[in-house]
């Protein structure tokens, strides 16, 4: 069964946006809970947020 093409997730994690963590530099992949504020997300984990940028 073929699914219609669209802009939705459809299980393809490679198609999700990603960006590096400001503290550790590891790539963060988009998460549903970050959907409303993806532009403001800077850190991958709470520990990185506490550490801050430039300390990775």
PDB file of N, CA and C in Angstrom:
ATOM      1  N   UNK A   1       0.836  -1.184   0.000  1.00  0.00           N
ATOM      2  CA  UNK A   1       0.000   0.000   0.000  1.00  0.00           C
ATOM      3  C   UNK A   1       0.879   1.245   0.000  1.00  0.00           C
ATOM      4  N   UNK A   2       0.645   2.148  -0.891  1.00  0.00           N
ATOM      5  CA  UNK A   2       1.409   3.374  -0.992  1.00  0.00           C
ATOM      6  C   UNK A   2       0.649   4.526  -0.350  1.00  0.00           C
ATOM      7  N   UNK A   3       1.358   5.298   0.436  1.00  0.00           N
ATOM      8  CA  UNK A   3       0.739   6.459   1.078  1.00  0.00           C
ATOM      9  C   UNK A   3       0.927   7.680   0.191  1.00  0.00           C
ATOM     10  N   UNK A   4      -0.008   8.600   0.218  1.00  0.00           N
ATOM     11  CA  UNK A   4       0.147   9.815  -0.583  1.00  0.00           C
ATOM     12  C   UNK A   4       1.272  10.694  -0.040  1.00  0.00           C
ATOM     13  N   UNK A   5       1.967  11.347  -0.923  1.00  0.00           N
ATOM     14  CA  UNK A   5       3.048  12.249  -0.520  1.00  0.00           C
ATOM     15  C   UNK A   5       2.467  13.464   0.183  1.00  0.00           C
ATOM     16  N   UNK A   6       3.170  13.925   1.180  1.00  0.00           N
ATOM     17  CA  UNK A   6       2.701  15.095   1.914  1.00  0.00           C
ATOM     18  C   UNK A   6       3.816  15.679   2.749  1.00  0.00           C
ATOM     19  N   UNK A   7       3.515  16.712   3.482  1.00  0.00           N
ATOM     20  CA  UNK A   7       4.520  17.362   4.307  1.00  0.00           C
ATOM     21  C   UNK A   7       4.558  16.809   5.727  1.00  0.00           C
ATOM     22  N   UNK A   8       3.705  15.831   6.039  1.00  0.00           N
ATOM     23  CA  UNK A   8       3.638  15.272   7.380  1.00  0.00           C
ATOM     24  C   UNK A   8       4.809  14.365   7.695  1.00  0.00           C
ATOM     25  N   UNK A   9       4.882  13.922   8.922  1.00  0.00           N
ATOM     26  CA  UNK A   9       5.983  13.101   9.405  1.00  0.00           C
ATOM     27  C   UNK A   9       6.024  11.747   8.706  1.00  0.00           C
ATOM     28  N   UNK A  10       4.964  10.994   8.712  1.00  0.00           N
ATOM     29  CA  UNK A  10       4.836   9.709   8.035  1.00  0.00           C
ATOM     30  C   UNK A  10       5.928   8.710   8.408  1.00  0.00           C
ATOM     31  N   UNK A  11       6.564   8.859   9.587  1.00  0.00           N
ATOM     32  CA  UNK A  11       7.536   7.891  10.055  1.00  0.00           C
ATOM     33  C   UNK A  11       8.948   8.054   9.530  1.00  0.00           C
ATOM     34  N   UNK A  12       9.213   9.049   8.709  1.00  0.00           N
ATOM     35  CA  UNK A  12      10.544   9.245   8.146  1.00  0.00           C
ATOM     36  C   UNK A  12      11.324  10.234   9.013  1.00  0.00           C
ATOM     37  N   UNK A  13      12.102   9.722   9.960  1.00  0.00           N
ATOM     38  CA  UNK A  13      12.826  10.587  10.888  1.00  0.00           C
ATOM     39  C   UNK A  13      13.899  11.414  10.193  1.00  0.00           C
ATOM     40  N   UNK A  14      14.405  10.954   9.080  1.00  0.00           N
ATOM     41  CA  UNK A  14      15.433  11.689   8.351  1.00  0.00           C
ATOM     42  C   UNK A  14      14.888  12.997   7.785  1.00  0.00           C
ATOM     43  N   UNK A  15      13.569  13.084   7.612  1.00  0.00           N
ATOM     44  CA  UNK A  15      12.963  14.281   7.045  1.00  0.00           C
ATOM     45  C   UNK A  15      12.697  15.358   8.099  1.00  0.00           C
ATOM     46  N   UNK A  16      12.876  15.033   9.385  1.00  0.00           N
ATOM     47  CA  UNK A  16      12.636  16.008  10.441  1.00  0.00           C
ATOM     48  C   UNK A  16      13.774  17.018  10.502  1.00  0.00           C
ATOM     49  N   UNK A  17      13.463  18.275  10.825  1.00  0.00           N
ATOM     50  CA  UNK A  17      14.533  19.278  10.934  1.00  0.00           C
ATOM     51  C   UNK A  17      15.415  19.001  12.149  1.00  0.00           C
ATOM     52  N   UNK A  18      16.645  19.445  12.084  1.00  0.00           N
ATOM     53  CA  UNK A  18      17.557  19.299  13.214  1.00  0.00           C
ATOM     54  C   UNK A  18      18.465  20.516  13.278  1.00  0.00           C
ATOM     55  N   UNK A  19      19.088  20.697  14.452  1.00  0.00           N
ATOM     56  CA  UNK A  19      20.045  21.789  14.640  1.00  0.00           C
ATOM     57  C   UNK A  19      20.945  21.411  15.806  1.00  0.00           C
ATOM     58  N   UNK A  20      22.141  22.015  15.903  1.00  0.00           N
ATOM     59  CA  UNK A  20      23.068  21.646  16.977  1.00  0.00           C
ATOM     60  C   UNK A  20      22.685  22.290  18.311  1.00  0.00           C
ATOM     61  N   UNK A  21      22.983  21.583  19.396  1.00  0.00           N
ATOM     62  CA  UNK A  21      22.786  22.105  20.745  1.00  0.00           C
ATOM     63  C   UNK A  21      23.804  23.223  20.973  1.00  0.00           C
ATOM     64  N   UNK A  22      23.382  24.313  21.596  1.00  0.00           N
ATOM     65  CA  UNK A  22      24.263  25.455  21.838  1.00  0.00           C
ATOM     66  C   UNK A  22      25.345  25.141  22.871  1.00  0.00           C
ATOM     67  N   UNK A  23      25.118  24.164  23.742  1.00  0.00           N
ATOM     68  CA  UNK A  23      26.086  23.850  24.786  1.00  0.00           C
ATOM     69  C   UNK A  23      27.047  22.740  24.384  1.00  0.00           C
ATOM     70  N   UNK A  24      26.518  21.612  23.903  1.00  0.00           N
ATOM     71  CA  UNK A  24      27.381  20.463  23.626  1.00  0.00           C
ATOM     72  C   UNK A  24      27.658  20.254  22.136  1.00  0.00           C
ATOM     73  N   UNK A  25      26.862  20.852  21.272  1.00  0.00           N
ATOM     74  CA  UNK A  25      27.088  20.737  19.839  1.00  0.00           C
ATOM     75  C   UNK A  25      26.476  19.511  19.179  1.00  0.00           C
ATOM     76  N   UNK A  26      25.872  18.617  19.956  1.00  0.00           N
ATOM     77  CA  UNK A  26      25.250  17.433  19.374  1.00  0.00           C
ATOM     78  C   UNK A  26      23.994  17.830  18.601  1.00  0.00           C
ATOM     79  N   UNK A  27      23.693  17.115  17.518  1.00  0.00           N
ATOM     80  CA  UNK A  27      22.491  17.457  16.751  1.00  0.00           C
ATOM     81  C   UNK A  27      21.211  17.112  17.507  1.00  0.00           C
ATOM     82  N   UNK A  28      20.262  18.036  17.502  1.00  0.00           N
ATOM     83  CA  UNK A  28      18.944  17.810  18.102  1.00  0.00           C
ATOM     84  C   UNK A  28      17.951  17.677  16.972  1.00  0.00           C
ATOM     85  N   UNK A  29      17.130  16.652  17.027  1.00  0.00           N
ATOM     86  CA  UNK A  29      16.080  16.468  16.035  1.00  0.00           C
ATOM     87  C   UNK A  29      14.775  17.010  16.590  1.00  0.00           C
ATOM     88  N   UNK A  30      13.967  17.590  15.715  1.00  0.00           N
ATOM     89  CA  UNK A  30      12.679  18.157  16.093  1.00  0.00           C
ATOM     90  C   UNK A  30      11.855  17.160  16.883  1.00  0.00           C
ATOM     91  N   UNK A  31      11.191  17.641  17.928  1.00  0.00           N
ATOM     92  CA  UNK A  31      10.286  16.812  18.726  1.00  0.00           C
ATOM     93  C   UNK A  31       8.922  17.470  18.753  1.00  0.00           C
ATOM     94  N   UNK A  32       7.901  16.668  18.874  1.00  0.00           N
ATOM     95  CA  UNK A  32       6.534  17.194  18.865  1.00  0.00           C
ATOM     96  C   UNK A  32       6.320  18.230  19.966  1.00  0.00           C
ATOM     97  N   UNK A  33       6.902  18.002  21.140  1.00  0.00           N
ATOM     98  CA  UNK A  33       6.704  18.957  22.237  1.00  0.00           C
ATOM     99  C   UNK A  33       7.393  20.291  21.978  1.00  0.00           C
ATOM    100  N   UNK A  34       8.332  20.333  21.023  1.00  0.00           N
ATOM    101  CA  UNK A  34       8.988  21.577  20.642  1.00  0.00           C
ATOM    102  C   UNK A  34       8.317  22.244  19.440  1.00  0.00           C
ATOM    103  N   UNK A  35       7.191  21.730  18.991  1.00  0.00           N
ATOM    104  CA  UNK A  35       6.557  22.207  17.758  1.00  0.00           C
ATOM    105  C   UNK A  35       6.236  23.706  17.804  1.00  0.00           C
ATOM    106  N   UNK A  36       5.749  24.180  18.927  1.00  0.00           N
ATOM    107  CA  UNK A  36       5.341  25.595  19.022  1.00  0.00           C
ATOM    108  C   UNK A  36       6.510  26.551  19.146  1.00  0.00           C
ATOM    109  N   UNK A  37       7.639  26.093  19.678  1.00  0.00           N
ATOM    110  CA  UNK A  37       8.753  27.005  19.903  1.00  0.00           C
ATOM    111  C   UNK A  37      10.086  26.471  19.372  1.00  0.00           C
ATOM    112  N   UNK A  38      10.063  25.765  18.263  1.00  0.00           N
ATOM    113  CA  UNK A  38      11.284  25.189  17.671  1.00  0.00           C
ATOM    114  C   UNK A  38      12.343  26.254  17.424  1.00  0.00           C
ATOM    115  N   UNK A  39      11.944  27.458  17.035  1.00  0.00           N
ATOM    116  CA  UNK A  39      12.914  28.519  16.761  1.00  0.00           C
ATOM    117  C   UNK A  39      13.665  28.941  18.027  1.00  0.00           C
ATOM    118  N   UNK A  40      13.034  28.806  19.203  1.00  0.00           N
ATOM    119  CA  UNK A  40      13.664  29.220  20.448  1.00  0.00           C
ATOM    120  C   UNK A  40      14.439  28.102  21.144  1.00  0.00           C
ATOM    121  N   UNK A  41      14.275  26.856  20.699  1.00  0.00           N
ATOM    122  CA  UNK A  41      14.963  25.736  21.342  1.00  0.00           C
ATOM    123  C   UNK A  41      16.453  25.832  21.042  1.00  0.00           C
ATOM    124  N   UNK A  42      17.279  25.821  22.107  1.00  0.00           N
ATOM    125  CA  UNK A  42      18.725  25.953  21.941  1.00  0.00           C
ATOM    126  C   UNK A  42      19.501  24.774  22.508  1.00  0.00           C
ATOM    127  N   UNK A  43      18.928  24.069  23.485  1.00  0.00           N
ATOM    128  CA  UNK A  43      19.650  23.025  24.193  1.00  0.00           C
ATOM    129  C   UNK A  43      18.937  21.677  24.077  1.00  0.00           C
ATOM    130  N   UNK A  44      19.721  20.594  24.056  1.00  0.00           N
ATOM    131  CA  UNK A  44      19.142  19.266  23.881  1.00  0.00           C
ATOM    132  C   UNK A  44      18.579  18.703  25.185  1.00  0.00           C
ATOM    133  N   UNK A  45      19.191  19.015  26.301  1.00  0.00           N
ATOM    134  CA  UNK A  45      18.758  18.495  27.597  1.00  0.00           C
ATOM    135  C   UNK A  45      18.783  19.599  28.638  1.00  0.00           C
ATOM    136  N   UNK A  46      18.126  19.365  29.745  1.00  0.00           N
ATOM    137  CA  UNK A  46      18.116  20.322  30.858  1.00  0.00           C
ATOM    138  C   UNK A  46      19.532  20.579  31.363  1.00  0.00           C
ATOM    139  N   UNK A  47      20.364  19.549  31.406  1.00  0.00           N
ATOM    140  CA  UNK A  47      21.748  19.711  31.865  1.00  0.00           C
ATOM    141  C   UNK A  47      22.510  20.679  30.962  1.00  0.00           C
ATOM    142  N   UNK A  48      22.287  20.600  29.670  1.00  0.00           N
ATOM    143  CA  UNK A  48      22.948  21.530  28.741  1.00  0.00           C
ATOM    144  C   UNK A  48      22.418  22.950  28.929  1.00  0.00           C
ATOM    145  N   UNK A  49      21.144  23.089  29.207  1.00  0.00           N
ATOM    146  CA  UNK A  49      20.579  24.417  29.435  1.00  0.00           C
ATOM    147  C   UNK A  49      21.219  25.048  30.665  1.00  0.00           C
ATOM    148  N   UNK A  50      21.408  24.260  31.727  1.00  0.00           N
ATOM    149  CA  UNK A  50      22.035  24.787  32.951  1.00  0.00           C
ATOM    150  C   UNK A  50      23.484  25.161  32.714  1.00  0.00           C
ATOM    151  N   UNK A  51      24.169  24.363  31.892  1.00  0.00           N
ATOM    152  CA  UNK A  51      25.580  24.606  31.603  1.00  0.00           C
ATOM    153  C   UNK A  51      25.762  25.865  30.758  1.00  0.00           C
ATOM    154  N   UNK A  52      24.844  26.100  29.818  1.00  0.00           N
ATOM    155  CA  UNK A  52      24.895  27.288  28.976  1.00  0.00           C
ATOM    156  C   UNK A  52      25.731  27.109  27.733  1.00  0.00           C
ATOM    157  N   UNK A  53      25.667  28.094  26.868  1.00  0.00           N
ATOM    158  CA  UNK A  53      26.393  28.038  25.595  1.00  0.00           C
ATOM    159  C   UNK A  53      27.900  28.189  25.807  1.00  0.00           C
ATOM    160  N   UNK A  54      28.668  27.483  24.971  1.00  0.00           N
ATOM    161  CA  UNK A  54      30.103  27.626  24.980  1.00  0.00           C
ATOM    162  C   UNK A  54      30.845  26.838  26.061  1.00  0.00           C
ATOM    163  N   UNK A  55      30.134  26.001  26.801  1.00  0.00           N
ATOM    164  CA  UNK A  55      30.786  25.223  27.853  1.00  0.00           C
ATOM    165  C   UNK A  55      30.795  23.738  27.555  1.00  0.00           C
ATOM    166  N   UNK A  56      30.607  23.336  26.280  1.00  0.00           N
ATOM    167  CA  UNK A  56      30.528  21.920  25.931  1.00  0.00           C
ATOM    168  C   UNK A  56      31.836  21.362  25.683  1.00  0.00           C
TER     169      UNK A  56
END
